[in-house]
Amino acid sequence: MSDYHINVFYSEKDGGYIADIPDLRFCSAFGATPEEALHEVLIAKEVWIESARASGKPVPRPRYQPAIYRVAS
């Protein structure tokens, strides 16, 4: 089973780490450390999915794959 890809990166502007899930529009979180940002975005993911389902909106399947993981055919 696959799960959503999560990007974690340092934001100089925000002075901390941002974690986001490209497949879930606007699903992101902030943390002072990469681990904290990851923890927070996992919570945000659950809330995002719950909210989408409660409002009858579709929940996209995990599809995003960074270029580094793509295999040339």
C-alpha atoms as a PDB file:
ATOM      1  CA  MET A   1       0.000   0.000   0.000  1.00  0.00           C
ATOM      2  CA  SER A   2       1.311   3.434  -0.862  1.00  0.00           C
ATOM      3  CA  ASP A   3       0.910   6.584   1.154  1.00  0.00           C
ATOM      4  CA  TYR A   4       1.176  10.260   0.340  1.00  0.00           C
ATOM      5  CA  HIS A   5       4.588  11.722  -0.421  1.00  0.00           C
ATOM      6  CA  ILE A   6       5.681  14.343   2.099  1.00  0.00           C
ATOM      7  CA  ASN A   7       8.179  17.114   1.375  1.00  0.00           C
ATOM      8  CA  VAL A   8      10.090  18.568   4.318  1.00  0.00           C
ATOM      9  CA  PHE A   9      12.272  21.612   3.804  1.00  0.00           C
ATOM     10  CA  TYR A  10      13.771  24.501   5.732  1.00  0.00           C
ATOM     11  CA  SER A  11      12.193  27.919   5.191  1.00  0.00           C
ATOM     12  CA  GLU A  12      14.572  30.788   5.851  1.00  0.00           C
ATOM     13  CA  LYS A  13      11.630  33.188   5.656  1.00  0.00           C
ATOM     14  CA  ASP A  14       9.660  31.319   8.332  1.00  0.00           C
ATOM     15  CA  GLY A  15      12.668  30.360  10.432  1.00  0.00           C
ATOM     16  CA  GLY A  16      11.705  26.700  10.633  1.00  0.00           C
ATOM     17  CA  TYR A  17      10.710  23.609   8.704  1.00  0.00           C
ATOM     18  CA  ILE A  18       7.732  23.189   6.424  1.00  0.00           C
ATOM     19  CA  ALA A  19       6.201  19.819   5.587  1.00  0.00           C
ATOM     20  CA  ASP A  20       3.658  19.539   2.808  1.00  0.00           C
ATOM     21  CA  ILE A  21       1.715  16.846   0.979  1.00  0.00           C
ATOM     22  CA  PRO A  22       1.519  17.710  -2.739  1.00  0.00           C
ATOM     23  CA  ASP A  23      -1.484  15.445  -3.415  1.00  0.00           C
ATOM     24  CA  LEU A  24      -3.582  17.176  -0.732  1.00  0.00           C
ATOM     25  CA  ARG A  25      -3.961  20.786  -1.813  1.00  0.00           C
ATOM     26  CA  PHE A  26      -2.903  23.259   0.888  1.00  0.00           C
ATOM     27  CA  CYS A  27      -2.044  20.490   3.369  1.00  0.00           C
ATOM     28  CA  SER A  28       1.098  21.683   5.102  1.00  0.00           C
ATOM     29  CA  ALA A  29       2.518  22.257   8.566  1.00  0.00           C
ATOM     30  CA  PHE A  30       5.326  24.092  10.332  1.00  0.00           C
ATOM     31  CA  GLY A  31       7.817  22.890  12.922  1.00  0.00           C
ATOM     32  CA  ALA A  32      10.989  24.053  14.634  1.00  0.00           C
ATOM     33  CA  THR A  33      12.634  20.768  13.582  1.00  0.00           C
ATOM     34  CA  PRO A  34      12.068  18.445  10.605  1.00  0.00           C
ATOM     35  CA  GLU A  35      10.615  15.851  12.982  1.00  0.00           C
ATOM     36  CA  GLU A  36       8.150  18.348  14.440  1.00  0.00           C
ATOM     37  CA  ALA A  37       7.045  19.483  10.976  1.00  0.00           C
ATOM     38  CA  LEU A  38       6.536  15.851   9.943  1.00  0.00           C
ATOM     39  CA  HIS A  39       4.532  15.100  13.080  1.00  0.00           C
ATOM     40  CA  GLU A  40       2.328  18.151  12.499  1.00  0.00           C
ATOM     41  CA  VAL A  41       1.695  17.401   8.821  1.00  0.00           C
ATOM     42  CA  LEU A  42       0.609  13.851   9.680  1.00  0.00           C
ATOM     43  CA  ILE A  43      -2.008  15.357  11.981  1.00  0.00           C
ATOM     44  CA  ALA A  44      -2.983  17.856   9.255  1.00  0.00           C
ATOM     45  CA  LYS A  45      -3.339  14.976   6.766  1.00  0.00           C
ATOM     46  CA  GLU A  46      -5.877  13.196   8.957  1.00  0.00           C
ATOM     47  CA  VAL A  47      -7.858  16.406   9.497  1.00  0.00           C
ATOM     48  CA  TRP A  48      -7.703  17.222   5.764  1.00  0.00           C
ATOM     49  CA  ILE A  49      -9.070  13.794   4.809  1.00  0.00           C
ATOM     50  CA  GLU A  50     -11.743  13.891   7.544  1.00  0.00           C
ATOM     51  CA  SER A  51     -12.894  17.338   6.430  1.00  0.00           C
ATOM     52  CA  ALA A  52     -13.026  16.357   2.764  1.00  0.00           C
ATOM     53  CA  ARG A  53     -15.087  13.264   3.510  1.00  0.00           C
ATOM     54  CA  ALA A  54     -17.438  15.166   5.848  1.00  0.00           C
ATOM     55  CA  SER A  55     -18.126  17.754   3.159  1.00  0.00           C
ATOM     56  CA  GLY A  56     -18.531  15.168   0.384  1.00  0.00           C
ATOM     57  CA  LYS A  57     -15.379  16.208  -1.481  1.00  0.00           C
ATOM     58  CA  PRO A  58     -13.186  13.592  -3.124  1.00  0.00           C
ATOM     59  CA  VAL A  59      -9.985  12.468  -1.432  1.00  0.00           C
ATOM     60  CA  PRO A  60      -7.282  12.074  -4.079  1.00  0.00           C
ATOM     61  CA  ARG A  61      -5.292   8.868  -4.199  1.00  0.00           C
ATOM     62  CA  PRO A  62      -1.541   9.135  -3.617  1.00  0.00           C
ATOM     63  CA  ARG A  63      -0.025   9.920  -7.010  1.00  0.00           C
ATOM     64  CA  TYR A  64       2.794  12.434  -6.561  1.00  0.00           C
ATOM     65  CA  GLN A  65       6.216  10.984  -7.171  1.00  0.00           C
ATOM     66  CA  PRO A  66       9.339  13.154  -7.133  1.00  0.00           C
ATOM     67  CA  ALA A  67      11.430  13.025 -10.303  1.00  0.00           C
ATOM     68  CA  ILE A  68      14.285  11.349  -8.420  1.00  0.00           C
ATOM     69  CA  TYR A  69      12.091   8.236  -7.941  1.00  0.00           C
ATOM     70  CA  ARG A  70      10.843   7.981 -11.505  1.00  0.00           C
ATOM     71  CA  VAL A  71      12.379   5.254 -13.599  1.00  0.00           C
ATOM     72  CA  ALA A  72      13.124   6.009 -17.235  1.00  0.00           C
ATOM     73  CA  SER A  73      11.534   3.514 -19.578  1.00  0.00           C
END
